[in-house]
C-alpha atoms as a PDB file:
ATOM      1  CA  MET A   1      -9.936  21.019  -2.782  1.00  0.00           C
ATOM      2  CA  SER A   2      -6.221  20.479  -3.141  1.00  0.00           C
ATOM      3  CA  GLN A   3      -4.674  17.369  -4.744  1.00  0.00           C
ATOM      4  CA  ARG A   4      -3.086  16.537  -1.436  1.00  0.00           C
ATOM      5  CA  SER A   5      -6.296  16.535   0.559  1.00  0.00           C
ATOM      6  CA  GLU A   6      -7.899  14.383  -2.299  1.00  0.00           C
ATOM      7  CA  MET A   7      -4.938  11.873  -2.031  1.00  0.00           C
ATOM      8  CA  ARG A   8      -5.433  11.822   1.945  1.00  0.00           C
ATOM      9  CA  LYS A   9      -9.067  10.907   1.317  1.00  0.00           C
ATOM     10  CA  LEU A  10      -8.241   8.250  -1.038  1.00  0.00           C
ATOM     11  CA  LEU A  11      -5.675   6.766   1.332  1.00  0.00           C
ATOM     12  CA  ALA A  12      -8.173   6.668   3.985  1.00  0.00           C
ATOM     13  CA  LYS A  13     -10.776   4.832   1.904  1.00  0.00           C
ATOM     14  CA  ALA A  14      -8.133   2.366   0.852  1.00  0.00           C
ATOM     15  CA  GLU A  15      -7.490   1.824   4.536  1.00  0.00           C
ATOM     16  CA  SER A  16     -11.213   1.312   5.174  1.00  0.00           C
ATOM     17  CA  HIS A  17     -11.222  -1.471   2.584  1.00  0.00           C
ATOM     18  CA  GLY A  18      -8.298  -3.344   4.299  1.00  0.00           C
ATOM     19  CA  CYS A  19      -5.342  -1.918   2.612  1.00  0.00           C
ATOM     20  CA  THR A  20      -2.025  -1.152   4.447  1.00  0.00           C
ATOM     21  CA  VAL A  21      -0.835   2.341   3.781  1.00  0.00           C
ATOM     22  CA  LYS A  22       2.909   3.370   4.442  1.00  0.00           C
ATOM     23  CA  ARG A  23       5.142   6.045   3.610  1.00  0.00           C
ATOM     24  CA  THR A  24       8.427   4.996   1.639  1.00  0.00           C
ATOM     25  CA  GLY A  25      11.715   6.371   2.247  1.00  0.00           C
ATOM     26  CA  GLY A  26      11.446   8.562  -0.946  1.00  0.00           C
ATOM     27  CA  GLY A  27       8.471  10.130   0.175  1.00  0.00           C
ATOM     28  CA  HIS A  28       5.805   8.108  -1.917  1.00  0.00           C
ATOM     29  CA  TRP A  29       2.685   6.249  -0.590  1.00  0.00           C
ATOM     30  CA  LYS A  30       2.876   2.494  -0.640  1.00  0.00           C
ATOM     31  CA  ILE A  31      -0.526   0.868  -0.733  1.00  0.00           C
ATOM     32  CA  ILE A  32      -0.631  -2.958  -0.097  1.00  0.00           C
ATOM     33  CA  ALA A  33      -4.018  -4.438  -1.026  1.00  0.00           C
ATOM     34  CA  PRO A  34      -5.464  -7.342   1.015  1.00  0.00           C
ATOM     35  CA  SER A  35      -4.651  -9.588  -2.067  1.00  0.00           C
ATOM     36  CA  GLY A  36      -1.039  -8.607  -1.647  1.00  0.00           C
ATOM     37  CA  ALA A  37      -0.849  -6.431  -4.678  1.00  0.00           C
ATOM     38  CA  VAL A  38       1.283  -3.270  -4.208  1.00  0.00           C
ATOM     39  CA  VAL A  39       0.427   0.174  -5.609  1.00  0.00           C
ATOM     40  CA  ILE A  40       2.958   3.152  -5.273  1.00  0.00           C
ATOM     41  CA  THR A  41       1.871   6.645  -5.736  1.00  0.00           C
ATOM     42  CA  GLY A  42       3.231  10.035  -5.178  1.00  0.00           C
ATOM     43  CA  PHE A  43       2.805  11.906  -1.938  1.00  0.00           C
ATOM     44  CA  SER A  44       1.502  15.138  -3.574  1.00  0.00           C
ATOM     45  CA  PRO A  45       0.181  14.335  -6.941  1.00  0.00           C
ATOM     46  CA  SER A  46       1.084  16.709  -9.706  1.00  0.00           C
ATOM     47  CA  SER A  47      -2.356  16.436 -11.432  1.00  0.00           C
ATOM     48  CA  PRO A  48      -5.764  15.162 -11.125  1.00  0.00           C
ATOM     49  CA  ARG A  49      -5.119  12.510 -13.450  1.00  0.00           C
ATOM     50  CA  SER A  50      -2.537  10.874 -11.026  1.00  0.00           C
ATOM     51  CA  ILE A  51      -5.366  10.465  -8.462  1.00  0.00           C
ATOM     52  CA  HIS A  52      -7.602   8.613 -11.091  1.00  0.00           C
ATOM     53  CA  GLN A  53      -4.721   6.544 -12.112  1.00  0.00           C
ATOM     54  CA  THR A  54      -4.072   5.514  -8.556  1.00  0.00           C
ATOM     55  CA  ILE A  55      -7.811   4.686  -8.148  1.00  0.00           C
ATOM     56  CA  ASN A  56      -7.688   2.496 -11.333  1.00  0.00           C
ATOM     57  CA  ARG A  57      -4.520   0.636 -10.147  1.00  0.00           C
ATOM     58  CA  LEU A  58      -6.279   0.054  -6.733  1.00  0.00           C
ATOM     59  CA  ARG A  59      -9.355  -1.435  -8.581  1.00  0.00           C
ATOM     60  CA  HIS A  60      -7.194  -3.690 -10.664  1.00  0.00           C
ATOM     61  CA  ALA A  61      -5.613  -4.861  -7.414  1.00  0.00           C
ATOM     62  CA  GLY A  62      -9.142  -5.888  -6.206  1.00  0.00           C
ATOM     63  CA  VAL A  63      -9.974  -3.053  -3.919  1.00  0.00           C
ATOM     64  CA  PRO A  64     -13.469  -1.899  -4.397  1.00  0.00           C
ATOM     65  CA  ILE A  65     -13.018   1.901  -4.662  1.00  0.00           C
END
């Protein structure tokens, strides 16, 4: 499975947990947690590690992923 499709799944899961997901003008994803915390991530992650880092940042922001 491609990194981009993995990121799409992660974004959908974040939305199902109450996050707001938006595209930025620079082509990144801006994820706003219900707590108000903001997580910015790349549109097309360059490595599997970047997806894990995004998951960790979302967990730190209080999103139960």
